[in-house]
Amino acid sequence: MFVNVRNALVLFTGIFFVDFFSKRLLYEASIASLNTGFGIFPSSPVLIAIGVLITCFFFGAAIIAAYRSRPMLGHLLIAAGAASNMADRIQFGGVIDYIPIPIFLINANLSDMIILTGLAILLSSLRNNA
């Protein structure tokens, strides 16, 4: 599974741009969420800075995993999704959410789904290693 850095960078860039441009295409039908974390917490410069640091951590962990020939897909998905959401925050002051999830009364976007998928992969790999 994605064992070299070049593949990691290509995947990261691809995920980032697919999400980035899907938000721009669906901007008219979307909701700008000025809060963080599925619109739950109020946005602030401190939380944005923490989000950037978390993105860098997961991207770095994916690159380190690639050098060590370990599975890194979970880290990479989390980093790519977080980076795309951070780009929205910097450009629009909020995240563009275009997928309504009525069961939980929230709106989401492709980045949120990518982050959750990455988290599920990480948790699954931890369970398999235990």
Protein backbone atom coordinates (compact mmCIF):
# COMPACT_ATOMS: atom_id res chain seq x y z
CA MET A 1 0.00 0.00 0.00
CA PHE A 2 1.44 3.46 -0.94
CA VAL A 3 4.99 2.84 0.24
CA ASN A 4 6.86 5.68 -1.37
CA VAL A 5 6.85 9.40 -0.81
CA ARG A 6 6.06 10.26 -4.43
CA ASN A 7 2.83 8.27 -4.30
CA ALA A 8 1.97 9.91 -0.98
CA LEU A 9 2.44 13.39 -2.43
CA VAL A 10 0.40 12.56 -5.52
CA LEU A 11 -2.44 11.12 -3.43
CA PHE A 12 -2.38 14.06 -0.99
CA THR A 13 -2.43 16.60 -3.83
CA GLY A 14 -5.17 14.75 -5.70
CA ILE A 15 -7.46 14.51 -2.67
CA PHE A 16 -6.83 18.16 -1.79
CA PHE A 17 -7.66 19.46 -5.25
CA VAL A 18 -10.69 17.21 -5.85
CA ASP A 19 -12.21 18.47 -2.61
CA PHE A 20 -11.07 22.07 -3.19
CA PHE A 21 -12.68 22.27 -6.64
CA SER A 22 -15.81 20.34 -5.65
CA LYS A 23 -16.46 22.99 -3.01
CA ARG A 24 -16.07 25.75 -5.59
CA LEU A 25 -18.42 24.01 -8.02
CA LEU A 26 -21.06 23.47 -5.31
CA TYR A 27 -20.56 26.84 -3.59
CA GLU A 28 -24.02 28.18 -4.51
CA ALA A 29 -25.80 25.20 -2.92
CA SER A 30 -23.55 25.03 0.11
CA ILE A 31 -23.46 26.42 3.60
CA ALA A 32 -20.44 28.34 4.84
CA SER A 33 -19.78 26.96 8.30
CA LEU A 34 -18.00 29.61 10.32
CA ASN A 35 -17.58 27.18 13.18
CA THR A 36 -15.08 24.35 13.47
CA GLY A 37 -15.64 20.62 13.85
CA PHE A 38 -18.89 20.02 11.94
CA GLY A 39 -20.08 23.49 12.99
CA ILE A 40 -19.97 22.66 16.69
CA PHE A 41 -17.16 24.86 18.07
CA PRO A 42 -16.78 28.59 17.36
CA SER A 43 -13.93 29.43 14.99
CA SER A 44 -10.92 31.37 16.27
CA PRO A 45 -7.35 32.03 15.10
CA VAL A 46 -6.07 29.73 17.85
CA LEU A 47 -8.21 26.82 16.63
CA ILE A 48 -7.13 27.46 13.04
CA ALA A 49 -3.48 27.40 14.14
CA ILE A 50 -4.09 24.14 16.01
CA GLY A 51 -5.74 22.73 12.86
CA VAL A 52 -2.69 23.65 10.79
CA LEU A 53 -0.39 21.97 13.32
CA ILE A 54 -2.53 18.81 13.34
CA THR A 55 -2.50 18.77 9.53
CA CYS A 56 1.30 19.05 9.51
CA PHE A 57 1.57 16.29 12.11
CA PHE A 58 -0.52 13.80 10.12
CA PHE A 59 1.19 14.68 6.84
CA GLY A 60 4.59 14.23 8.51
CA ALA A 61 3.46 10.92 10.03
CA ALA A 62 2.39 9.73 6.57
CA ILE A 63 5.76 10.63 5.07
CA ILE A 64 7.63 8.92 7.93
CA ALA A 65 5.44 5.84 7.48
CA ALA A 66 6.27 5.85 3.77
CA TYR A 67 10.00 5.88 4.51
CA ARG A 68 9.55 3.01 6.96
CA SER A 69 7.37 1.06 4.49
CA ARG A 70 4.40 1.07 6.85
CA PRO A 71 0.76 1.72 6.01
CA MET A 72 0.19 5.45 5.90
CA LEU A 73 -3.13 5.87 4.15
CA GLY A 74 -5.00 6.86 7.32
CA HIS A 75 -2.52 9.62 8.17
CA LEU A 76 -2.52 10.86 4.59
CA LEU A 77 -6.31 11.03 4.36
CA ILE A 78 -6.57 12.98 7.61
CA ALA A 79 -3.87 15.43 6.49
CA ALA A 80 -5.41 15.98 3.04
CA GLY A 81 -8.91 16.54 4.40
CA ALA A 82 -7.68 18.90 7.10
CA ALA A 83 -5.55 20.85 4.61
CA SER A 84 -8.53 21.39 2.32
CA ASN A 85 -10.70 22.59 5.20
CA MET A 86 -7.89 24.92 6.35
CA ALA A 87 -7.67 26.36 2.83
CA ASP A 88 -11.40 27.16 3.03
CA ARG A 89 -10.96 28.83 6.40
CA ILE A 90 -8.13 30.97 5.09
CA GLN A 91 -9.95 31.92 1.88
CA PHE A 92 -13.56 32.22 3.06
CA GLY A 93 -13.32 32.52 6.84
CA GLY A 94 -15.26 29.26 7.12
CA VAL A 95 -15.59 25.80 5.61
CA ILE A 96 -17.85 25.14 2.63
CA ASP A 97 -20.28 22.37 3.65
CA TYR A 98 -22.52 20.95 0.94
CA ILE A 99 -23.57 17.51 2.24
CA PRO A 100 -26.50 17.69 4.66
CA ILE A 101 -26.56 14.96 7.31
CA PRO A 102 -30.05 15.34 8.80
CA ILE A 103 -29.69 12.49 11.30
CA PHE A 104 -27.09 14.49 13.23
CA LEU A 105 -28.40 17.94 12.19
CA ILE A 106 -25.06 18.90 10.66
CA ASN A 107 -23.63 19.68 7.25
CA ALA A 108 -20.37 18.23 6.00
CA ASN A 109 -18.15 18.11 2.93
CA LEU A 110 -15.90 15.65 1.17
CA SER A 111 -12.98 16.66 3.43
CA ASP A 112 -14.95 15.69 6.51
CA MET A 113 -15.72 12.28 5.00
CA ILE A 114 -12.05 11.83 4.03
CA ILE A 115 -10.93 12.70 7.58
CA LEU A 116 -13.41 10.23 9.09
CA THR A 117 -12.27 7.52 6.65
CA GLY A 118 -8.64 8.15 7.61
CA LEU A 119 -9.54 7.97 11.30
CA ALA A 120 -11.38 4.68 10.75
CA ILE A 121 -8.33 3.25 8.94
CA LEU A 122 -6.02 4.34 11.77
CA LEU A 123 -8.28 2.87 14.44
CA SER A 124 -8.62 -0.35 12.47
CA SER A 125 -4.86 -0.68 12.10
CA LEU A 126 -4.39 -0.05 15.83
CA ARG A 127 -6.92 -2.76 16.64
CA ASN A 128 -5.25 -5.19 14.24
CA ASN A 129 -1.83 -4.51 15.79
CA ALA A 130 -3.05 -5.04 19.36
